[in-house]
Amino acid sequence: MLSLLPAPRSGRPLRVLCLGAHSDDIEIGCGATVLHLLDQLPEVEVYWAVFAAAGQRREEAEAGAAAFLGRAAAAHTRFHDFRDGYFPAEFTRLKDAFEALKGWVEPDLVLTHQRADRHQDHRTLSDLTWNTFRNHLVLGYEIPKYEGDLGNPNLFVPVSPERAQAKITALMEGFASQRSKGWFTPDTFHGLMRLRGIQAASPTGLAEAFYAEKITFLQPG
């Protein structure tokens, strides 16, 4: 299968914008992919924004970003305190925060929640991402949860066992507030990567999956 490799604009590092509604979303949805990008490409700048990160959850969000961004050429973070579970009711303030993102970064790649996610906060964030970044490569990641909205993604990033394990370790060690939840377990995270690895025919047997709704393949010329 032909692989597509990201390339930065001429003269500067690749810029990746990671967006998550809650403190562990980015890590769950695309943590191994971020590690892979930072290991494989010479220079990557990462912009990391979490929107419901207050109190202990902010501490976890900061620790999560630190665990994944150590190899970035530059790491920029923003943590907001929007109310968990109430994003649709906070739409105006969230819209203002997204407008501010446009002045913060001009990304080459945006990683965010996939559009069919049934969690109200995830769905709101995805909608705002597409409203804000209209001429960008946006990939929607998936989060396993009670709503049962896992679908059939169409873009896969094969990941090594080492990066998969690094992701799982960071999640289990860094997010104590979530460990009481029945689904927040190592086998959940490994199992989903294993399933997507089968789907992608990954040589490692593991992959993270995304929804790529719009991709420009060849430039005119």
N, C-alpha and C. Protein backbone atom coordinates (compact mmCIF):
# COMPACT_ATOMS: atom_id res chain seq x y z
N MET A 1 0.84 -1.19 0.00
CA MET A 1 0.00 0.00 0.00
C MET A 1 0.88 1.25 0.00
N LEU A 2 0.57 2.21 -0.85
CA LEU A 2 1.33 3.45 -0.92
C LEU A 2 1.09 4.26 0.34
N SER A 3 2.17 4.73 0.97
CA SER A 3 2.07 5.55 2.18
C SER A 3 2.17 7.02 1.83
N LEU A 4 1.40 7.82 2.53
CA LEU A 4 1.46 9.27 2.38
C LEU A 4 2.28 9.84 3.53
N LEU A 5 3.29 10.62 3.23
CA LEU A 5 4.17 11.17 4.25
C LEU A 5 3.99 12.68 4.33
N PRO A 6 3.82 13.24 5.52
CA PRO A 6 3.64 14.69 5.65
C PRO A 6 4.94 15.42 5.36
N ALA A 7 4.81 16.60 4.77
CA ALA A 7 5.98 17.44 4.49
C ALA A 7 5.65 18.87 4.89
N PRO A 8 6.56 19.56 5.57
CA PRO A 8 6.30 20.94 5.97
C PRO A 8 6.37 21.88 4.79
N ARG A 9 5.86 23.07 4.99
CA ARG A 9 6.05 24.11 3.99
C ARG A 9 7.53 24.48 3.94
N SER A 10 7.96 24.96 2.80
CA SER A 10 9.38 25.25 2.61
C SER A 10 9.89 26.25 3.64
N GLY A 11 11.03 25.92 4.24
CA GLY A 11 11.70 26.88 5.10
C GLY A 11 11.30 26.87 6.56
N ARG A 12 10.43 25.96 6.98
CA ARG A 12 10.06 25.92 8.40
C ARG A 12 9.64 24.51 8.79
N PRO A 13 9.63 24.23 10.09
CA PRO A 13 9.22 22.91 10.55
C PRO A 13 7.75 22.63 10.26
N LEU A 14 7.40 21.35 10.27
CA LEU A 14 6.00 20.95 10.19
C LEU A 14 5.29 21.41 11.46
N ARG A 15 4.11 21.99 11.31
CA ARG A 15 3.34 22.46 12.45
C ARG A 15 2.10 21.59 12.62
N VAL A 16 1.98 20.99 13.79
CA VAL A 16 0.87 20.09 14.10
C VAL A 16 0.07 20.69 15.25
N LEU A 17 -1.23 20.83 15.03
CA LEU A 17 -2.13 21.34 16.06
C LEU A 17 -2.96 20.18 16.60
N CYS A 18 -2.85 19.90 17.90
CA CYS A 18 -3.61 18.84 18.56
C CYS A 18 -4.67 19.47 19.44
N LEU A 19 -5.91 19.08 19.24
CA LEU A 19 -7.03 19.64 19.99
C LEU A 19 -7.77 18.54 20.72
N GLY A 20 -8.05 18.77 22.01
CA GLY A 20 -8.78 17.79 22.79
C GLY A 20 -9.78 18.46 23.70
N ALA A 21 -10.96 17.89 23.80
CA ALA A 21 -11.97 18.45 24.70
C ALA A 21 -11.55 18.28 26.15
N HIS A 22 -11.03 17.10 26.50
CA HIS A 22 -10.69 16.77 27.88
C HIS A 22 -9.22 16.40 27.99
N SER A 23 -8.76 16.29 29.21
CA SER A 23 -7.32 16.20 29.46
C SER A 23 -6.65 14.97 28.88
N ASP A 24 -7.39 13.88 28.66
CA ASP A 24 -6.76 12.68 28.13
C ASP A 24 -7.11 12.39 26.67
N ASP A 25 -7.90 13.24 26.04
CA ASP A 25 -8.41 12.92 24.71
C ASP A 25 -7.32 12.84 23.65
N ILE A 26 -6.42 13.80 23.62
CA ILE A 26 -5.37 13.80 22.61
C ILE A 26 -4.51 12.55 22.77
N GLU A 27 -4.16 12.26 24.02
CA GLU A 27 -3.31 11.11 24.28
C GLU A 27 -3.97 9.80 23.84
N ILE A 28 -5.27 9.65 24.13
CA ILE A 28 -5.99 8.45 23.73
C ILE A 28 -6.14 8.38 22.21
N GLY A 29 -6.54 9.49 21.61
CA GLY A 29 -6.88 9.48 20.19
C GLY A 29 -5.70 9.42 19.25
N CYS A 30 -4.59 10.10 19.61
CA CYS A 30 -3.49 10.18 18.64
C CYS A 30 -2.12 10.21 19.30
N GLY A 31 -2.02 9.73 20.53
CA GLY A 31 -0.74 9.80 21.23
C GLY A 31 0.39 9.07 20.53
N ALA A 32 0.14 7.86 20.05
CA ALA A 32 1.19 7.11 19.37
C ALA A 32 1.56 7.76 18.04
N THR A 33 0.59 8.37 17.38
CA THR A 33 0.87 9.07 16.12
C THR A 33 1.77 10.27 16.36
N VAL A 34 1.51 11.02 17.42
CA VAL A 34 2.36 12.16 17.75
C VAL A 34 3.79 11.68 18.02
N LEU A 35 3.94 10.62 18.80
CA LEU A 35 5.28 10.08 19.06
C LEU A 35 5.96 9.66 17.76
N HIS A 36 5.20 9.05 16.87
CA HIS A 36 5.75 8.60 15.59
C HIS A 36 6.21 9.78 14.74
N LEU A 37 5.40 10.81 14.66
CA LEU A 37 5.79 12.01 13.90
C LEU A 37 7.07 12.62 14.45
N LEU A 38 7.16 12.73 15.76
CA LEU A 38 8.32 13.37 16.37
C LEU A 38 9.58 12.53 16.19
N ASP A 39 9.44 11.22 16.13
CA ASP A 39 10.59 10.35 15.93
C ASP A 39 11.05 10.29 14.48
N GLN A 40 10.10 10.41 13.55
CA GLN A 40 10.41 10.16 12.15
C GLN A 40 10.77 11.41 11.34
N LEU A 41 10.27 12.55 11.75
CA LEU A 41 10.52 13.77 10.99
C LEU A 41 11.56 14.63 11.69
N PRO A 42 12.40 15.34 10.92
CA PRO A 42 13.52 16.06 11.54
C PRO A 42 13.10 17.20 12.45
N GLU A 43 12.06 17.92 12.10
CA GLU A 43 11.61 19.05 12.91
C GLU A 43 10.09 19.13 12.89
N VAL A 44 9.49 19.09 14.05
CA VAL A 44 8.04 19.23 14.17
C VAL A 44 7.73 20.16 15.33
N GLU A 45 6.95 21.18 15.05
CA GLU A 45 6.43 22.05 16.11
C GLU A 45 5.02 21.58 16.45
N VAL A 46 4.74 21.40 17.73
CA VAL A 46 3.43 20.92 18.16
C VAL A 46 2.74 21.99 18.99
N TYR A 47 1.50 22.26 18.63
CA TYR A 47 0.62 23.16 19.37
C TYR A 47 -0.48 22.29 19.96
N TRP A 48 -0.66 22.36 21.26
CA TRP A 48 -1.45 21.37 22.01
C TRP A 48 -2.46 22.14 22.86
N ALA A 49 -3.73 22.00 22.59
CA ALA A 49 -4.76 22.76 23.30
C ALA A 49 -5.81 21.83 23.88
N VAL A 50 -6.08 21.97 25.17
CA VAL A 50 -7.09 21.18 25.88
C VAL A 50 -8.11 22.16 26.46
N PHE A 51 -9.39 21.84 26.32
CA PHE A 51 -10.43 22.83 26.61
C PHE A 51 -11.14 22.63 27.95
N ALA A 52 -11.22 21.42 28.47
CA ALA A 52 -11.79 21.21 29.81
C ALA A 52 -10.67 20.68 30.69
N ALA A 53 -9.91 21.59 31.26
CA ALA A 53 -8.75 21.20 32.06
C ALA A 53 -8.67 22.13 33.26
N ALA A 54 -9.41 21.80 34.30
CA ALA A 54 -9.42 22.61 35.52
C ALA A 54 -9.01 21.75 36.70
N GLY A 55 -8.36 22.34 37.68
CA GLY A 55 -7.98 21.64 38.89
C GLY A 55 -7.03 20.49 38.60
N GLN A 56 -7.35 19.31 39.14
CA GLN A 56 -6.51 18.13 38.93
C GLN A 56 -6.39 17.79 37.46
N ARG A 57 -7.46 18.03 36.71
CA ARG A 57 -7.43 17.70 35.28
C ARG A 57 -6.44 18.59 34.53
N ARG A 58 -6.21 19.81 35.00
CA ARG A 58 -5.18 20.64 34.38
C ARG A 58 -3.80 20.07 34.66
N GLU A 59 -3.57 19.65 35.88
CA GLU A 59 -2.28 19.04 36.20
C GLU A 59 -2.05 17.81 35.33
N GLU A 60 -3.08 17.02 35.13
CA GLU A 60 -2.95 15.84 34.27
C GLU A 60 -2.71 16.24 32.82
N ALA A 61 -3.38 17.28 32.37
CA ALA A 61 -3.19 17.73 30.99
C ALA A 61 -1.76 18.20 30.76
N GLU A 62 -1.23 18.93 31.71
CA GLU A 62 0.15 19.41 31.59
C GLU A 62 1.14 18.24 31.59
N ALA A 63 0.89 17.26 32.47
CA ALA A 63 1.77 16.10 32.51
C ALA A 63 1.66 15.28 31.23
N GLY A 64 0.45 15.15 30.70
CA GLY A 64 0.26 14.42 29.46
C GLY A 64 1.01 15.05 28.30
N ALA A 65 0.90 16.36 28.17
CA ALA A 65 1.61 17.06 27.10
C ALA A 65 3.12 16.86 27.25
N ALA A 66 3.61 16.97 28.48
CA ALA A 66 5.05 16.81 28.70
C ALA A 66 5.52 15.41 28.33
N ALA A 67 4.69 14.40 28.60
CA ALA A 67 5.06 13.02 28.32
C ALA A 67 5.19 12.75 26.83
N PHE A 68 4.45 13.49 26.00
CA PHE A 68 4.42 13.19 24.57
C PHE A 68 5.26 14.15 23.73
N LEU A 69 5.62 15.30 24.25
CA LEU A 69 6.20 16.34 23.41
C LEU A 69 7.69 16.57 23.65
N GLY A 70 8.33 15.65 24.34
CA GLY A 70 9.74 15.85 24.67
C GLY A 70 10.65 15.97 23.46
N ARG A 71 10.30 15.35 22.35
CA ARG A 71 11.14 15.38 21.15
C ARG A 71 10.73 16.44 20.14
N ALA A 72 9.75 17.27 20.48
CA ALA A 72 9.29 18.30 19.55
C ALA A 72 10.35 19.40 19.40
N ALA A 73 10.46 19.94 18.18
CA ALA A 73 11.35 21.07 17.97
C ALA A 73 10.90 22.27 18.79
N ALA A 74 9.60 22.40 18.96
CA ALA A 74 9.01 23.41 19.85
C ALA A 74 7.66 22.89 20.28
N ALA A 75 7.32 23.11 21.54
CA ALA A 75 6.03 22.67 22.07
C ALA A 75 5.31 23.86 22.68
N HIS A 76 4.08 24.09 22.22
CA HIS A 76 3.27 25.21 22.71
C HIS A 76 1.96 24.62 23.26
N THR A 77 1.58 25.03 24.43
CA THR A 77 0.38 24.46 25.06
C THR A 77 -0.59 25.55 25.51
N ARG A 78 -1.88 25.20 25.45
CA ARG A 78 -2.94 26.04 26.00
C ARG A 78 -3.93 25.15 26.74
N PHE A 79 -4.29 25.56 27.95
CA PHE A 79 -5.24 24.79 28.75
C PHE A 79 -6.36 25.72 29.21
N HIS A 80 -7.58 25.34 28.87
CA HIS A 80 -8.76 26.14 29.22
C HIS A 80 -9.55 25.45 30.34
N ASP A 81 -10.50 26.17 30.89
CA ASP A 81 -11.28 25.64 32.01
C ASP A 81 -12.78 25.57 31.69
N PHE A 82 -13.11 25.26 30.43
CA PHE A 82 -14.52 25.09 30.08
C PHE A 82 -15.12 23.92 30.86
N ARG A 83 -16.40 24.02 31.13
CA ARG A 83 -17.06 23.05 32.00
C ARG A 83 -17.27 21.72 31.29
N ASP A 84 -16.75 20.67 31.87
CA ASP A 84 -16.85 19.32 31.32
C ASP A 84 -18.32 18.93 31.17
N GLY A 85 -18.69 18.49 29.95
CA GLY A 85 -20.06 18.05 29.70
C GLY A 85 -21.01 19.12 29.24
N TYR A 86 -20.57 20.38 29.17
CA TYR A 86 -21.46 21.49 28.87
C TYR A 86 -21.00 22.31 27.66
N PHE A 87 -20.22 21.73 26.77
CA PHE A 87 -19.67 22.51 25.67
C PHE A 87 -20.73 23.15 24.78
N PRO A 88 -21.83 22.46 24.45
CA PRO A 88 -22.83 23.14 23.62
C PRO A 88 -23.38 24.42 24.27
N ALA A 89 -23.49 24.43 25.60
CA ALA A 89 -23.98 25.61 26.29
C ALA A 89 -22.91 26.70 26.39
N GLU A 90 -21.66 26.35 26.14
CA GLU A 90 -20.54 27.30 26.21
C GLU A 90 -20.08 27.70 24.81
N PHE A 91 -20.93 27.56 23.82
CA PHE A 91 -20.50 27.67 22.43
C PHE A 91 -19.86 29.03 22.13
N THR A 92 -20.44 30.11 22.63
CA THR A 92 -19.91 31.44 22.30
C THR A 92 -18.49 31.60 22.80
N ARG A 93 -18.23 31.22 24.06
CA ARG A 93 -16.88 31.32 24.60
C ARG A 93 -15.91 30.40 23.87
N LEU A 94 -16.39 29.20 23.53
CA LEU A 94 -15.54 28.29 22.78
C LEU A 94 -15.21 28.84 21.40
N LYS A 95 -16.19 29.44 20.76
CA LYS A 95 -15.94 30.05 19.45
C LYS A 95 -14.88 31.13 19.55
N ASP A 96 -14.93 31.94 20.59
CA ASP A 96 -13.91 32.97 20.79
C ASP A 96 -12.53 32.33 20.97
N ALA A 97 -12.47 31.22 21.71
CA ALA A 97 -11.19 30.54 21.92
C ALA A 97 -10.65 30.00 20.60
N PHE A 98 -11.52 29.53 19.74
CA PHE A 98 -11.07 29.02 18.44
C PHE A 98 -10.63 30.16 17.53
N GLU A 99 -11.28 31.28 17.61
CA GLU A 99 -10.83 32.43 16.82
C GLU A 99 -9.42 32.84 17.25
N ALA A 100 -9.15 32.72 18.55
CA ALA A 100 -7.80 33.05 19.04
C ALA A 100 -6.76 32.05 18.53
N LEU A 101 -7.18 30.81 18.29
CA LEU A 101 -6.24 29.82 17.77
C LEU A 101 -5.68 30.23 16.42
N LYS A 102 -6.48 30.90 15.62
CA LYS A 102 -6.02 31.31 14.28
C LYS A 102 -4.85 32.26 14.37
N GLY A 103 -4.77 33.05 15.42
CA GLY A 103 -3.63 33.94 15.61
C GLY A 103 -2.46 33.28 16.30
N TRP A 104 -2.70 32.09 16.83
CA TRP A 104 -1.66 31.35 17.56
C TRP A 104 -0.83 30.49 16.63
N VAL A 105 -1.48 29.86 15.65
CA VAL A 105 -0.78 28.92 14.79
C VAL A 105 -1.46 28.84 13.43
N GLU A 106 -0.64 28.68 12.40
CA GLU A 106 -1.10 28.32 11.06
C GLU A 106 -0.66 26.88 10.83
N PRO A 107 -1.50 25.89 11.15
CA PRO A 107 -1.04 24.51 11.16
C PRO A 107 -0.98 23.87 9.78
N ASP A 108 -0.09 22.90 9.64
CA ASP A 108 -0.07 22.04 8.46
C ASP A 108 -0.99 20.84 8.64
N LEU A 109 -1.15 20.41 9.88
CA LEU A 109 -1.96 19.24 10.21
C LEU A 109 -2.71 19.52 11.50
N VAL A 110 -4.01 19.21 11.51
CA VAL A 110 -4.83 19.37 12.70
C VAL A 110 -5.35 17.99 13.11
N LEU A 111 -5.14 17.63 14.36
CA LEU A 111 -5.65 16.38 14.92
C LEU A 111 -6.71 16.73 15.95
N THR A 112 -7.94 16.23 15.73
CA THR A 112 -9.05 16.61 16.59
C THR A 112 -10.04 15.46 16.67
N HIS A 113 -11.15 15.66 17.37
CA HIS A 113 -12.18 14.64 17.48
C HIS A 113 -12.87 14.42 16.13
N GLN A 114 -13.22 13.18 15.85
CA GLN A 114 -13.93 12.89 14.60
C GLN A 114 -15.38 13.40 14.69
N ARG A 115 -15.94 13.73 13.52
CA ARG A 115 -17.20 14.47 13.48
C ARG A 115 -18.42 13.67 13.94
N ALA A 116 -18.36 12.35 13.88
CA ALA A 116 -19.50 11.53 14.28
C ALA A 116 -19.45 11.13 15.75
N ASP A 117 -18.51 11.67 16.50
CA ASP A 117 -18.40 11.37 17.93
C ASP A 117 -19.67 11.81 18.64
N ARG A 118 -20.27 10.92 19.42
CA ARG A 118 -21.56 11.21 20.04
C ARG A 118 -21.44 11.94 21.38
N HIS A 119 -20.24 12.08 21.92
CA HIS A 119 -20.08 12.86 23.14
C HIS A 119 -20.26 14.33 22.80
N GLN A 120 -21.09 15.03 23.55
CA GLN A 120 -21.45 16.40 23.18
C GLN A 120 -20.24 17.35 23.15
N ASP A 121 -19.30 17.16 24.07
CA ASP A 121 -18.11 18.03 24.08
C ASP A 121 -17.22 17.74 22.87
N HIS A 122 -17.02 16.46 22.59
CA HIS A 122 -16.18 16.08 21.45
C HIS A 122 -16.77 16.59 20.14
N ARG A 123 -18.07 16.42 20.00
CA ARG A 123 -18.74 16.82 18.76
C ARG A 123 -18.68 18.33 18.56
N THR A 124 -18.86 19.09 19.64
CA THR A 124 -18.78 20.55 19.54
C THR A 124 -17.39 20.99 19.13
N LEU A 125 -16.38 20.36 19.71
CA LEU A 125 -15.01 20.73 19.38
C LEU A 125 -14.70 20.40 17.92
N SER A 126 -15.17 19.26 17.45
CA SER A 126 -14.95 18.89 16.06
C SER A 126 -15.60 19.90 15.12
N ASP A 127 -16.84 20.27 15.41
CA ASP A 127 -17.53 21.25 14.57
C ASP A 127 -16.77 22.56 14.52
N LEU A 128 -16.28 23.02 15.65
CA LEU A 128 -15.55 24.29 15.69
C LEU A 128 -14.22 24.18 14.95
N THR A 129 -13.60 23.02 15.00
CA THR A 129 -12.36 22.82 14.25
C THR A 129 -12.61 23.01 12.76
N TRP A 130 -13.66 22.38 12.25
CA TRP A 130 -13.96 22.50 10.83
C TRP A 130 -14.44 23.90 10.47
N ASN A 131 -15.10 24.59 11.36
CA ASN A 131 -15.49 25.98 11.12
C ASN A 131 -14.27 26.89 11.01
N THR A 132 -13.25 26.58 11.79
CA THR A 132 -12.10 27.48 11.93
C THR A 132 -11.01 27.21 10.92
N PHE A 133 -10.73 25.94 10.67
CA PHE A 133 -9.62 25.56 9.80
C PHE A 133 -10.19 24.94 8.52
N ARG A 134 -10.54 25.80 7.58
CA ARG A 134 -11.27 25.39 6.38
C ARG A 134 -10.36 24.96 5.24
N ASN A 135 -9.10 25.36 5.29
CA ASN A 135 -8.17 25.05 4.20
C ASN A 135 -6.95 24.32 4.75
N HIS A 136 -7.22 23.34 5.61
CA HIS A 136 -6.16 22.62 6.29
C HIS A 136 -6.45 21.11 6.24
N LEU A 137 -5.40 20.35 6.45
CA LEU A 137 -5.58 18.90 6.59
C LEU A 137 -6.03 18.62 8.02
N VAL A 138 -7.26 18.17 8.16
CA VAL A 138 -7.85 17.86 9.47
C VAL A 138 -8.11 16.36 9.53
N LEU A 139 -7.55 15.71 10.53
CA LEU A 139 -7.78 14.28 10.75
C LEU A 139 -8.52 14.11 12.07
N GLY A 140 -9.61 13.37 12.04
CA GLY A 140 -10.41 13.15 13.23
C GLY A 140 -10.05 11.83 13.90
N TYR A 141 -9.65 11.90 15.17
CA TYR A 141 -9.31 10.68 15.90
C TYR A 141 -10.52 10.13 16.63
N GLU A 142 -10.39 8.91 17.14
CA GLU A 142 -11.51 8.23 17.79
C GLU A 142 -11.21 7.98 19.27
N ILE A 143 -12.27 7.97 20.08
CA ILE A 143 -12.17 7.73 21.51
C ILE A 143 -13.13 6.59 21.88
N PRO A 144 -12.64 5.49 22.44
CA PRO A 144 -13.56 4.43 22.89
C PRO A 144 -14.33 4.88 24.13
N LYS A 145 -15.64 4.62 24.16
CA LYS A 145 -16.45 5.06 25.29
C LYS A 145 -17.82 4.42 25.25
N TYR A 146 -18.65 4.78 26.23
CA TYR A 146 -19.95 4.14 26.40
C TYR A 146 -20.90 4.38 25.24
N GLU A 147 -20.75 5.51 24.54
CA GLU A 147 -21.70 5.84 23.49
C GLU A 147 -21.67 4.86 22.31
N GLY A 148 -20.63 4.06 22.20
CA GLY A 148 -20.59 3.05 21.14
C GLY A 148 -20.58 3.63 19.75
N ASP A 149 -19.76 4.67 19.52
CA ASP A 149 -19.77 5.35 18.23
C ASP A 149 -18.55 5.03 17.37
N LEU A 150 -17.82 3.98 17.71
CA LEU A 150 -16.69 3.60 16.86
C LEU A 150 -17.21 3.20 15.48
N GLY A 151 -16.59 3.73 14.45
CA GLY A 151 -17.07 3.49 13.09
C GLY A 151 -16.03 2.83 12.22
N ASN A 152 -15.96 3.26 10.97
CA ASN A 152 -15.07 2.67 9.99
C ASN A 152 -14.13 3.74 9.45
N PRO A 153 -13.05 4.03 10.17
CA PRO A 153 -12.13 5.09 9.74
C PRO A 153 -11.44 4.73 8.44
N ASN A 154 -10.88 5.76 7.79
CA ASN A 154 -10.31 5.53 6.46
C ASN A 154 -8.85 5.95 6.32
N LEU A 155 -8.21 6.31 7.43
CA LEU A 155 -6.79 6.64 7.39
C LEU A 155 -6.13 6.03 8.62
N PHE A 156 -4.97 5.39 8.41
CA PHE A 156 -4.35 4.64 9.50
C PHE A 156 -2.87 5.01 9.61
N VAL A 157 -2.40 5.05 10.84
CA VAL A 157 -0.98 5.27 11.11
C VAL A 157 -0.44 4.03 11.81
N PRO A 158 0.31 3.17 11.11
CA PRO A 158 0.93 2.03 11.78
C PRO A 158 1.90 2.52 12.86
N VAL A 159 1.85 1.90 14.02
CA VAL A 159 2.73 2.32 15.11
C VAL A 159 3.49 1.11 15.65
N SER A 160 4.66 1.37 16.18
CA SER A 160 5.49 0.30 16.72
C SER A 160 4.97 -0.14 18.08
N PRO A 161 5.29 -1.36 18.49
CA PRO A 161 4.91 -1.80 19.84
C PRO A 161 5.46 -0.89 20.93
N GLU A 162 6.67 -0.35 20.70
CA GLU A 162 7.27 0.52 21.70
C GLU A 162 6.49 1.81 21.87
N ARG A 163 6.04 2.40 20.76
CA ARG A 163 5.27 3.65 20.86
C ARG A 163 3.88 3.36 21.41
N ALA A 164 3.30 2.24 21.04
CA ALA A 164 2.00 1.87 21.60
C ALA A 164 2.10 1.72 23.12
N GLN A 165 3.16 1.07 23.56
CA GLN A 165 3.32 0.87 25.01
C GLN A 165 3.62 2.19 25.72
N ALA A 166 4.39 3.06 25.08
CA ALA A 166 4.66 4.37 25.67
C ALA A 166 3.36 5.16 25.85
N LYS A 167 2.48 5.09 24.87
CA LYS A 167 1.18 5.74 24.97
C LYS A 167 0.39 5.18 26.15
N ILE A 168 0.30 3.86 26.23
CA ILE A 168 -0.49 3.22 27.29
C ILE A 168 0.09 3.54 28.67
N THR A 169 1.40 3.49 28.79
CA THR A 169 2.04 3.80 30.07
C THR A 169 1.76 5.23 30.50
N ALA A 170 1.87 6.17 29.57
CA ALA A 170 1.60 7.57 29.89
C ALA A 170 0.16 7.77 30.34
N LEU A 171 -0.77 7.09 29.70
CA LEU A 171 -2.17 7.21 30.08
C LEU A 171 -2.43 6.65 31.47
N MET A 172 -1.90 5.48 31.75
CA MET A 172 -2.18 4.83 33.03
C MET A 172 -1.46 5.52 34.19
N GLU A 173 -0.29 6.08 33.93
CA GLU A 173 0.46 6.74 35.00
C GLU A 173 0.06 8.20 35.18
N GLY A 174 -0.41 8.84 34.12
CA GLY A 174 -0.62 10.27 34.18
C GLY A 174 -2.04 10.73 34.45
N PHE A 175 -3.02 9.81 34.43
CA PHE A 175 -4.41 10.23 34.55
C PHE A 175 -5.12 9.44 35.65
N ALA A 176 -4.69 9.70 36.86
CA ALA A 176 -5.23 8.99 38.02
C ALA A 176 -6.73 9.20 38.18
N SER A 177 -7.21 10.36 37.77
CA SER A 177 -8.64 10.66 37.93
C SER A 177 -9.52 9.76 37.08
N GLN A 178 -8.96 9.11 36.08
CA GLN A 178 -9.75 8.30 35.16
C GLN A 178 -9.65 6.81 35.40
N ARG A 179 -8.73 6.39 36.27
CA ARG A 179 -8.47 4.96 36.41
C ARG A 179 -9.63 4.18 37.04
N SER A 180 -10.56 4.88 37.69
CA SER A 180 -11.71 4.18 38.26
C SER A 180 -12.77 3.84 37.21
N LYS A 181 -12.65 4.39 36.01
CA LYS A 181 -13.61 4.12 34.95
C LYS A 181 -13.33 2.74 34.34
N GLY A 182 -14.40 1.97 34.15
CA GLY A 182 -14.24 0.60 33.70
C GLY A 182 -13.56 0.45 32.36
N TRP A 183 -13.68 1.44 31.49
CA TRP A 183 -13.10 1.32 30.16
C TRP A 183 -11.67 1.83 30.08
N PHE A 184 -11.22 2.55 31.12
CA PHE A 184 -9.89 3.18 31.09
C PHE A 184 -8.85 2.15 31.56
N THR A 185 -8.50 1.24 30.67
CA THR A 185 -7.60 0.15 31.01
C THR A 185 -6.59 -0.07 29.88
N PRO A 186 -5.44 -0.66 30.18
CA PRO A 186 -4.45 -0.91 29.13
C PRO A 186 -5.00 -1.76 27.99
N ASP A 187 -5.84 -2.76 28.32
CA ASP A 187 -6.32 -3.63 27.24
C ASP A 187 -7.29 -2.91 26.31
N THR A 188 -8.00 -1.90 26.82
CA THR A 188 -8.86 -1.10 25.93
C THR A 188 -8.01 -0.40 24.88
N PHE A 189 -6.97 0.28 25.33
CA PHE A 189 -6.15 1.07 24.41
C PHE A 189 -5.34 0.18 23.46
N HIS A 190 -4.81 -0.91 23.99
CA HIS A 190 -4.06 -1.82 23.13
C HIS A 190 -5.00 -2.54 22.16
N GLY A 191 -6.18 -2.93 22.66
CA GLY A 191 -7.12 -3.66 21.82
C GLY A 191 -7.59 -2.84 20.63
N LEU A 192 -7.84 -1.55 20.84
CA LEU A 192 -8.26 -0.72 19.72
C LEU A 192 -7.14 -0.55 18.71
N MET A 193 -5.92 -0.34 19.19
CA MET A 193 -4.79 -0.24 18.26
C MET A 193 -4.56 -1.55 17.52
N ARG A 194 -4.81 -2.66 18.20
CA ARG A 194 -4.66 -3.97 17.54
C ARG A 194 -5.71 -4.16 16.46
N LEU A 195 -6.95 -3.81 16.76
CA LEU A 195 -8.03 -3.92 15.78
C LEU A 195 -7.74 -3.06 14.56
N ARG A 196 -7.31 -1.82 14.78
CA ARG A 196 -7.01 -0.94 13.65
C ARG A 196 -5.76 -1.40 12.91
N GLY A 197 -4.84 -2.05 13.63
CA GLY A 197 -3.67 -2.60 12.96
C GLY A 197 -4.04 -3.70 11.99
N ILE A 198 -5.00 -4.54 12.38
CA ILE A 198 -5.49 -5.58 11.48
C ILE A 198 -6.13 -4.94 10.25
N GLN A 199 -6.97 -3.94 10.50
CA GLN A 199 -7.68 -3.27 9.41
C GLN A 199 -6.72 -2.62 8.43
N ALA A 200 -5.61 -2.09 8.94
CA ALA A 200 -4.64 -1.38 8.11
C ALA A 200 -3.57 -2.30 7.53
N ALA A 201 -3.61 -3.59 7.86
CA ALA A 201 -2.54 -4.51 7.48
C ALA A 201 -1.20 -3.96 7.94
N SER A 202 -1.16 -3.41 9.15
CA SER A 202 0.06 -2.83 9.70
C SER A 202 1.12 -3.91 9.89
N PRO A 203 2.36 -3.64 9.49
CA PRO A 203 3.42 -4.65 9.68
C PRO A 203 3.69 -4.96 11.14
N THR A 204 3.33 -4.05 12.03
CA THR A 204 3.51 -4.28 13.46
C THR A 204 2.27 -4.88 14.11
N GLY A 205 1.17 -4.94 13.36
CA GLY A 205 -0.09 -5.39 13.92
C GLY A 205 -0.82 -4.34 14.73
N LEU A 206 -0.30 -3.11 14.77
CA LEU A 206 -0.88 -2.04 15.58
C LEU A 206 -1.01 -0.77 14.74
N ALA A 207 -2.04 0.01 15.00
CA ALA A 207 -2.22 1.28 14.30
C ALA A 207 -3.19 2.16 15.07
N GLU A 208 -3.08 3.46 14.86
CA GLU A 208 -4.13 4.40 15.26
C GLU A 208 -4.90 4.78 14.01
N ALA A 209 -6.18 5.09 14.19
CA ALA A 209 -7.05 5.33 13.04
C ALA A 209 -7.65 6.73 13.09
N PHE A 210 -7.93 7.27 11.90
CA PHE A 210 -8.45 8.62 11.77
C PHE A 210 -9.49 8.66 10.65
N TYR A 211 -10.29 9.71 10.70
CA TYR A 211 -11.24 10.00 9.63
C TYR A 211 -10.69 11.19 8.85
N ALA A 212 -10.38 10.95 7.58
CA ALA A 212 -9.85 11.99 6.70
C ALA A 212 -10.95 12.37 5.72
N GLU A 213 -11.62 13.48 5.99
CA GLU A 213 -12.77 13.86 5.17
C GLU A 213 -12.38 14.60 3.90
N LYS A 214 -11.25 15.32 3.94
CA LYS A 214 -10.80 16.05 2.76
C LYS A 214 -9.28 15.99 2.70
N ILE A 215 -8.74 15.49 1.57
CA ILE A 215 -7.30 15.45 1.38
C ILE A 215 -7.00 15.92 -0.04
N THR A 216 -6.04 16.82 -0.17
CA THR A 216 -5.52 17.20 -1.47
C THR A 216 -4.30 16.33 -1.76
N PHE A 217 -4.34 15.61 -2.86
CA PHE A 217 -3.31 14.61 -3.13
C PHE A 217 -2.19 15.16 -4.02
N LEU A 218 -2.54 15.79 -5.13
CA LEU A 218 -1.54 16.35 -6.05
C LEU A 218 -1.83 17.82 -6.28
N GLN A 219 -0.77 18.62 -6.33
CA GLN A 219 -0.91 20.03 -6.64
C GLN A 219 -0.88 20.24 -8.15
N PRO A 220 -1.55 21.27 -8.66
CA PRO A 220 -1.52 21.53 -10.10
C PRO A 220 -0.12 21.96 -10.53
N GLY A 221 0.21 21.65 -11.77
CA GLY A 221 1.51 22.07 -12.27
C GLY A 221 2.01 21.12 -13.34
